[in-house]
Protein backbone atom coordinates (compact mmCIF):
# COMPACT_ATOMS: atom_id res chain seq x y z
CA MET A 1 300.52 223.35 -0.96
CA THR A 2 302.81 220.66 0.46
CA VAL A 3 300.96 217.41 1.14
CA ASP A 4 301.99 215.71 4.38
CA ARG A 5 302.28 212.04 3.44
CA ILE A 6 302.82 208.89 5.47
CA LEU A 7 304.85 206.48 3.32
CA PRO A 8 305.84 202.89 4.11
CA THR A 9 309.59 203.10 3.39
CA ASP A 10 312.49 205.48 2.83
CA GLU A 11 312.61 204.19 -0.75
CA ALA A 12 309.04 205.40 -1.23
CA HIS A 13 310.06 208.87 -0.06
CA ASP A 14 312.91 208.84 -2.57
CA LEU A 15 310.55 207.77 -5.36
CA LEU A 16 308.14 210.60 -4.63
CA ASP A 17 311.03 213.05 -4.53
CA LEU A 18 312.18 211.74 -7.92
CA ALA A 19 308.65 211.99 -9.31
CA THR A 20 308.36 215.57 -8.06
CA GLU A 21 311.71 216.53 -9.58
CA LEU A 22 310.83 215.01 -12.96
CA ALA A 23 307.34 216.47 -12.90
CA ASP A 24 308.68 219.96 -12.22
CA ARG A 25 311.41 219.67 -14.84
CA GLU A 26 309.87 217.57 -17.62
CA LEU A 27 306.10 218.00 -17.28
CA ALA A 28 305.08 221.38 -15.91
CA PRO A 29 307.06 223.54 -18.39
CA LYS A 30 305.75 221.61 -21.42
CA ALA A 31 302.09 220.99 -20.57
CA ALA A 32 300.42 224.15 -21.88
CA ASP A 33 302.33 224.14 -25.18
CA HIS A 34 301.72 220.47 -25.92
CA GLU A 35 298.05 220.75 -25.02
CA GLU A 36 297.62 223.74 -27.30
CA ARG A 37 299.29 221.92 -30.20
CA ALA A 38 297.66 218.56 -29.35
CA GLU A 39 301.07 216.89 -29.41
CA PHE A 40 301.58 213.64 -27.52
CA PRO A 41 304.70 213.81 -25.28
CA ARG A 42 306.20 210.45 -26.26
CA GLU A 43 309.70 211.37 -25.15
CA VAL A 44 308.44 212.41 -21.73
CA LEU A 45 306.99 208.91 -21.30
CA ARG A 46 310.33 207.39 -22.30
CA THR A 47 312.08 209.57 -19.73
CA LEU A 48 309.67 208.37 -17.04
CA GLY A 49 310.21 204.79 -18.13
CA ARG A 50 313.99 205.08 -18.03
CA SER A 51 313.67 206.61 -14.56
CA GLY A 52 311.72 203.55 -13.40
CA LEU A 53 308.34 205.25 -12.99
CA LEU A 54 306.35 203.17 -15.50
CA GLY A 55 306.76 199.83 -13.80
CA LEU A 56 306.33 200.77 -10.16
CA PRO A 57 303.73 198.15 -9.10
CA TYR A 58 305.30 195.25 -11.01
CA ALA A 59 307.84 192.69 -9.81
CA GLU A 60 311.56 193.42 -10.03
CA GLU A 61 312.19 190.21 -12.01
CA TYR A 62 310.22 191.78 -14.86
CA GLY A 63 311.91 195.16 -14.66
CA GLY A 64 309.45 196.72 -12.23
CA ALA A 65 310.06 198.37 -8.88
CA ALA A 66 307.86 196.08 -6.72
CA GLN A 67 306.29 199.08 -5.02
CA PRO A 68 303.01 198.93 -3.07
CA TYR A 69 300.05 200.33 -4.94
CA GLU A 70 299.72 203.11 -2.37
CA VAL A 71 303.17 204.38 -3.43
CA TYR A 72 302.47 204.05 -7.16
CA LEU A 73 299.22 206.01 -6.80
CA GLN A 74 300.92 208.87 -4.99
CA VAL A 75 303.53 209.09 -7.75
CA LEU A 76 300.65 209.21 -10.22
CA GLU A 77 299.01 211.98 -8.19
CA ILE A 78 302.18 214.08 -8.34
CA LEU A 79 302.43 213.63 -12.11
CA ALA A 80 298.77 214.59 -12.55
CA SER A 81 299.24 217.76 -10.54
CA ARG A 82 301.71 218.94 -13.19
CA TRP A 83 300.19 217.46 -16.35
CA LEU A 84 297.13 215.22 -16.40
CA ALA A 85 297.71 213.83 -19.91
CA VAL A 86 301.03 212.32 -18.83
CA ALA A 87 299.60 210.88 -15.62
CA GLU A 88 296.71 209.37 -17.54
CA ALA A 89 299.18 207.90 -20.04
CA VAL A 90 301.11 206.28 -17.19
CA SER A 91 297.86 204.93 -15.71
CA VAL A 92 296.70 203.50 -19.05
CA HIS A 93 300.10 201.97 -19.75
CA THR A 94 300.14 200.35 -16.31
CA LEU A 95 296.63 199.05 -16.97
CA SER A 96 297.76 197.69 -20.34
CA CYS A 97 300.54 195.67 -18.69
CA PHE A 98 298.19 194.19 -16.07
CA PRO A 99 296.68 191.26 -18.05
CA LEU A 100 300.11 189.92 -19.00
CA ALA A 101 301.59 190.48 -15.54
CA GLU A 102 298.71 188.86 -13.65
CA TYR A 103 297.39 186.23 -16.08
CA GLY A 104 300.23 185.51 -18.50
CA THR A 105 302.17 182.27 -18.56
CA ALA A 106 305.83 182.16 -17.54
CA GLN A 107 306.79 182.15 -21.20
CA GLN A 108 304.51 185.08 -22.00
CA ARG A 109 305.83 187.11 -19.07
CA LYS A 110 309.25 187.17 -20.68
CA LEU A 111 307.77 190.03 -22.72
CA LEU A 112 307.14 192.13 -19.63
CA PRO A 113 310.54 193.84 -19.20
CA GLU A 114 310.25 195.37 -22.64
CA LEU A 115 306.63 196.41 -22.09
CA ILE A 116 306.89 198.02 -18.67
CA GLY A 117 310.25 199.72 -19.22
CA GLY A 118 308.73 202.56 -21.19
CA GLU A 119 310.27 201.93 -24.58
CA LEU A 120 306.99 200.31 -25.63
CA LEU A 121 303.65 201.96 -24.85
CA GLY A 122 300.40 200.07 -24.33
CA ALA A 123 296.72 200.50 -25.23
CA TYR A 124 293.73 198.80 -23.60
CA CYS A 125 291.07 197.91 -26.15
CA LEU A 126 287.80 197.13 -24.39
CA SER A 127 285.14 199.74 -25.27
CA GLU A 128 283.32 199.70 -28.59
CA PRO A 129 281.23 202.29 -30.47
CA GLN A 130 277.95 200.71 -29.36
CA GLY A 131 279.11 199.26 -26.06
CA GLY A 132 281.05 201.33 -23.56
CA SER A 133 279.60 200.49 -20.17
CA ASP A 134 278.06 197.24 -21.45
CA ALA A 135 281.41 195.52 -21.96
CA ALA A 136 279.90 192.02 -21.84
CA SER A 137 278.11 192.73 -25.11
CA LEU A 138 281.21 193.55 -27.15
CA THR A 139 281.14 192.35 -30.76
CA THR A 140 284.79 192.33 -31.90
CA ARG A 141 285.36 188.71 -32.85
CA ALA A 142 288.43 186.47 -32.99
CA VAL A 143 288.34 183.16 -34.87
CA LEU A 144 291.10 180.58 -34.44
CA GLU A 145 292.66 179.53 -37.75
CA ASP A 146 295.95 177.63 -38.07
CA GLU A 147 297.39 178.70 -34.71
CA GLU A 148 296.34 182.31 -35.22
CA TYR A 149 293.33 184.30 -34.08
CA VAL A 150 291.80 186.35 -36.88
CA VAL A 151 290.40 189.49 -35.25
CA SER A 152 287.73 191.70 -36.80
CA GLY A 153 285.88 194.59 -35.22
CA THR A 154 286.15 198.17 -34.00
CA LYS A 155 287.24 199.49 -30.62
CA ALA A 156 286.39 203.01 -29.47
CA TRP A 157 287.79 205.66 -27.12
CA ILE A 158 291.19 203.99 -27.09
CA THR A 159 293.89 206.02 -25.36
CA HIS A 160 297.20 205.77 -27.26
CA ALA A 161 295.34 204.39 -30.28
CA GLN A 162 297.79 205.85 -32.79
CA VAL A 163 300.96 205.78 -30.70
CA ALA A 164 300.74 202.42 -28.93
CA ASP A 165 303.28 199.67 -29.53
CA PHE A 166 301.04 196.90 -28.21
CA TYR A 167 297.30 196.40 -27.69
CA ASN A 168 295.27 194.33 -25.26
CA ILE A 169 292.31 193.27 -27.38
CA PHE A 170 289.18 192.02 -25.62
CA CYS A 171 287.25 190.03 -28.21
CA ARG A 172 284.61 187.38 -28.60
CA THR A 173 285.94 183.87 -29.14
CA GLY A 174 282.78 182.10 -27.96
CA GLY A 175 279.07 182.69 -27.57
CA ALA A 176 277.14 185.67 -26.26
CA GLY A 177 277.75 187.24 -22.89
CA ALA A 178 280.74 187.58 -20.62
CA SER A 179 281.74 183.92 -20.84
CA GLY A 180 282.51 184.23 -24.57
CA ILE A 181 285.17 186.95 -24.21
CA SER A 182 288.93 186.40 -24.38
CA CYS A 183 292.03 188.61 -24.18
CA LEU A 184 294.74 188.81 -26.85
CA LEU A 185 298.03 190.71 -26.77
CA ALA A 186 298.86 192.13 -30.20
CA ASP A 187 301.93 193.94 -31.49
CA ARG A 188 301.36 197.23 -33.30
CA ASN A 189 303.13 196.07 -36.46
CA LEU A 190 300.62 193.30 -37.24
CA PRO A 191 298.78 193.84 -40.55
CA GLY A 192 295.15 194.83 -40.19
CA ILE A 193 295.48 197.13 -37.16
CA GLU A 194 294.12 200.45 -38.33
CA PRO A 195 293.98 203.34 -35.82
CA GLN A 196 291.58 206.04 -36.98
CA LEU A 197 291.87 209.82 -36.78
CA PRO A 198 292.00 211.19 -33.22
CA GLU A 199 288.75 212.31 -31.66
CA ARG A 200 288.27 216.06 -31.11
CA THR A 201 288.01 215.94 -27.35
CA MET A 202 287.00 218.61 -24.81
CA GLY A 203 290.26 218.25 -22.90
CA LEU A 204 293.45 216.19 -22.78
CA HIS A 205 294.34 217.38 -26.26
CA ALA A 206 297.85 215.95 -25.91
CA SER A 207 296.43 212.47 -25.30
CA PRO A 208 295.46 210.81 -28.61
CA VAL A 209 292.12 208.99 -28.31
CA ALA A 210 290.64 207.25 -31.34
CA GLN A 211 288.89 204.21 -32.68
CA VAL A 212 291.00 201.21 -33.67
CA VAL A 213 289.76 198.97 -36.46
CA PHE A 214 290.94 195.36 -36.55
CA ASP A 215 290.51 194.16 -40.12
CA GLY A 216 291.37 190.49 -40.20
CA THR A 217 294.33 191.00 -37.87
CA ARG A 218 296.12 187.69 -37.32
CA VAL A 219 297.34 187.38 -33.73
CA PRO A 220 299.44 184.29 -32.85
CA ALA A 221 297.51 181.88 -30.62
CA GLU A 222 300.39 181.98 -28.15
CA ARG A 223 299.38 185.57 -27.40
CA LEU A 224 296.10 184.48 -25.80
CA ILE A 225 296.22 185.77 -22.21
CA GLY A 226 294.60 183.32 -19.83
CA ALA A 227 292.24 180.75 -21.28
CA GLU A 228 289.47 181.31 -23.82
CA GLY A 229 286.45 182.74 -22.05
CA GLU A 230 288.43 184.35 -19.23
CA GLY A 231 288.77 187.75 -20.90
CA PHE A 232 285.87 189.47 -19.18
CA GLY A 233 287.16 188.53 -15.73
CA ILE A 234 290.63 189.77 -16.71
CA ALA A 235 289.16 193.04 -17.96
CA MET A 236 287.16 193.66 -14.79
CA SER A 237 290.11 192.79 -12.55
CA ALA A 238 292.30 195.20 -14.48
CA LEU A 239 289.69 197.94 -14.22
CA ASP A 240 289.61 197.65 -10.43
CA SER A 241 293.26 198.67 -10.43
CA GLY A 242 292.73 201.16 -13.24
CA ARG A 243 289.99 202.93 -11.31
CA LEU A 244 292.43 203.61 -8.51
CA GLY A 245 294.80 205.09 -11.08
CA ILE A 246 292.07 207.45 -12.30
CA ALA A 247 291.26 208.37 -8.70
CA ALA A 248 294.91 209.32 -8.21
CA CYS A 249 294.83 211.42 -11.37
CA ALA A 250 291.71 213.17 -10.09
CA VAL A 251 293.27 213.96 -6.73
CA GLY A 252 296.37 215.38 -8.40
CA LEU A 253 294.35 217.52 -10.81
CA ALA A 254 292.12 218.83 -8.01
CA GLN A 255 295.19 219.65 -5.89
CA ALA A 256 296.70 221.60 -8.79
CA ALA A 257 293.50 223.59 -9.24
CA LEU A 258 293.26 224.37 -5.55
CA ASP A 259 296.90 225.42 -5.30
CA TYR A 260 296.53 227.76 -8.24
CA ALA A 261 293.28 229.24 -6.95
CA VAL A 262 294.76 229.83 -3.49
CA GLY A 263 297.82 231.50 -4.95
CA TYR A 264 295.67 233.75 -7.10
CA ALA A 265 293.33 234.61 -4.20
CA ARG A 266 296.27 235.64 -2.04
CA GLU A 267 297.53 238.06 -4.71
CA ARG A 268 294.25 239.42 -6.09
CA ARG A 269 293.01 242.44 -4.17
CA GLN A 270 289.50 243.89 -4.13
CA PHE A 271 288.00 246.46 -1.78
CA GLY A 272 291.42 247.01 -0.23
CA ARG A 273 292.31 243.45 0.73
CA ALA A 274 293.24 240.06 -0.71
CA ILE A 275 290.15 238.18 -1.91
CA VAL A 276 291.21 235.10 0.07
CA ASP A 277 290.25 237.04 3.19
CA PHE A 278 286.61 237.23 2.15
CA GLN A 279 284.73 234.56 4.03
CA GLY A 280 282.58 233.43 1.12
CA LEU A 281 285.65 232.65 -0.98
CA GLY A 282 287.71 231.37 1.94
CA PHE A 283 285.00 228.86 2.85
CA LEU A 284 284.84 227.66 -0.76
CA LEU A 285 288.59 226.99 -0.69
CA ALA A 286 288.31 225.31 2.71
CA ASP A 287 285.66 222.94 1.39
CA ALA A 288 287.84 222.15 -1.62
CA ALA A 289 290.85 221.37 0.56
CA THR A 290 288.75 219.10 2.77
CA GLN A 291 287.24 217.24 -0.17
CA ILE A 292 290.67 216.65 -1.71
CA SER A 293 292.01 215.26 1.56
CA ALA A 294 288.99 212.97 1.84
CA ALA A 295 289.41 211.76 -1.75
CA ARG A 296 293.10 211.04 -1.15
CA ALA A 297 292.31 209.12 2.03
CA LEU A 298 289.65 207.03 0.29
CA MET A 299 292.01 206.25 -2.58
CA LEU A 300 294.81 205.19 -0.26
CA ALA A 301 292.50 203.07 1.91
CA ALA A 302 291.46 201.09 -1.17
CA ALA A 303 295.09 200.79 -2.30
CA ARG A 304 296.14 199.44 1.09
CA LEU A 305 293.44 196.79 0.88
CA ARG A 306 294.82 195.82 -2.52
CA ASP A 307 298.36 195.69 -1.16
CA ALA A 308 297.19 193.45 1.70
CA GLY A 309 295.62 191.01 -0.75
CA ARG A 310 292.11 191.75 0.49
CA PRO A 311 289.01 192.45 -1.63
CA TYR A 312 289.03 196.07 -2.75
CA SER A 313 286.76 196.26 -5.80
CA ILE A 314 283.95 198.16 -4.06
CA GLU A 315 286.39 200.51 -2.33
CA ALA A 316 288.05 201.19 -5.70
CA ALA A 317 284.65 202.10 -7.14
CA LYS A 318 283.99 204.45 -4.22
CA ALA A 319 287.41 206.07 -4.62
CA LYS A 320 287.01 206.58 -8.34
CA LEU A 321 283.49 207.95 -7.92
CA PHE A 322 284.31 210.35 -5.11
CA ALA A 323 287.71 211.55 -6.32
CA THR A 324 286.55 212.33 -9.86
CA ASP A 325 283.42 214.12 -8.64
CA VAL A 326 285.67 216.15 -6.32
CA ALA A 327 287.98 217.00 -9.22
CA MET A 328 285.06 218.26 -11.28
CA ARG A 329 283.75 220.36 -8.37
CA VAL A 330 287.12 221.79 -7.34
CA THR A 331 288.24 222.70 -10.85
CA THR A 332 284.91 224.40 -11.52
CA ASP A 333 285.23 226.35 -8.27
CA ALA A 334 288.81 227.30 -9.16
CA VAL A 335 287.55 228.94 -12.34
CA GLN A 336 285.00 230.81 -10.22
CA VAL A 337 287.69 232.04 -7.83
CA LEU A 338 289.57 233.61 -10.73
CA GLY A 339 286.38 235.11 -12.15
CA GLY A 340 286.81 236.38 -15.71
CA ALA A 341 290.50 235.50 -15.59
CA GLY A 342 289.56 231.88 -14.97
CA TYR A 343 287.67 231.71 -18.25
CA VAL A 344 290.67 232.53 -20.44
CA ALA A 345 293.57 230.30 -21.39
CA ASP A 346 296.13 232.63 -19.80
CA HIS A 347 295.48 230.67 -16.60
CA PRO A 348 295.45 226.85 -16.47
CA VAL A 349 292.26 226.43 -14.45
CA GLU A 350 289.98 226.47 -17.50
CA ARG A 351 292.04 223.55 -18.88
CA TYR A 352 291.84 221.77 -15.53
CA MET A 353 288.05 222.04 -15.61
CA ARG A 354 287.83 220.63 -19.12
CA GLU A 355 290.17 217.81 -18.21
CA ALA A 356 288.33 216.89 -15.03
CA LYS A 357 285.18 215.96 -16.95
CA VAL A 358 286.71 212.97 -18.68
CA LEU A 359 287.75 211.46 -15.35
CA GLN A 360 284.08 211.02 -14.48
CA ILE A 361 283.70 208.92 -17.64
CA VAL A 362 286.80 206.77 -18.21
CA GLU A 363 287.43 203.39 -16.52
CA GLY A 364 283.69 203.06 -15.97
CA THR A 365 281.40 206.06 -15.75
CA ASN A 366 280.49 207.31 -12.31
CA GLN A 367 276.97 206.00 -12.89
CA ILE A 368 278.51 202.55 -13.30
CA GLN A 369 280.47 203.05 -10.07
CA ARG A 370 277.23 203.85 -8.27
CA LEU A 371 275.68 200.72 -9.75
CA VAL A 372 278.60 198.59 -8.54
CA ILE A 373 278.38 200.04 -5.04
CA SER A 374 274.59 199.84 -4.79
CA ARG A 375 274.56 196.20 -5.91
CA ALA A 376 277.11 195.37 -3.24
CA LEU A 377 274.88 197.04 -0.65
CA ALA A 378 271.87 195.09 -1.89
CA LYS A 379 273.72 191.80 -1.49
CA GLY A 380 274.71 192.64 2.07
């Protein structure tokens, strides 16, 4: 199904055309094979980077494209509709560049062109084995010694854990609570960074997720992003943007599932006619199409607030919550439309359903999104 989009500039139209061309040529033909073999598509990410699609929301002076977030998210949606693992990788990499881009010093930002160009891939190290949603209670500690922070602790559920070239490490440099957390930017080649074996995940097999152990890793003090104690605020600000990225991934995945289910329902015949003509199934598809359009609209409304410099945190939480719930519902219904065929790997909808589940968890579980929204309502 062709999505009718309203874009701010001709350049944005060209970018989406480029994204579609690359997604059709570089992503769609490779997705099933890489997912089956659990092979991370590093070269695909380099291709996207060299094409300018990994630095879309960042300033041109740092090698970015200075695009509005609403344009970046729609590029991400297109990528996700062909291969979610790649879109999620782009979203995580963009998130990993955020602390340096928004909070780094002028000297530190000289690193940005190399980071956002795609030759180097980022990882965002916030969650821990005992503290996913409760990020303010993280225990990874960094102690300043001779102009270096000595980092010790374990991070969990880290996308790109084994393939990243740089890590944003959120660690405790002070006392308990959010005010004791700081952010460090570490190169992969530092001694004491020990990615563990990849987790055996339900979906996104081509996306390596693992724990990362920091065993006395010495990070130069000049790689402190912001001031000591500002790390929690940096993390939460980054997650506001990251949640919109996950919403875009969810919309793209749901659109892919709907398109496949509609195509199948037009071809599959039962009782002498195409099954799409049966009202029960047609209404299910109509509901899915409506929910996807609503999720896309909610995502773009939040993005436009961000682009206008207005508060958007609550709208980002709503977009992430709604879009990922829609993706779970639509992918599940797509399997149902295909019936027995939907339950086998010959068709991609069973993979879409498995992949949709993680979107309700990453970048803050949907229960956390509801908590964020409800607290805002309570405050008035």
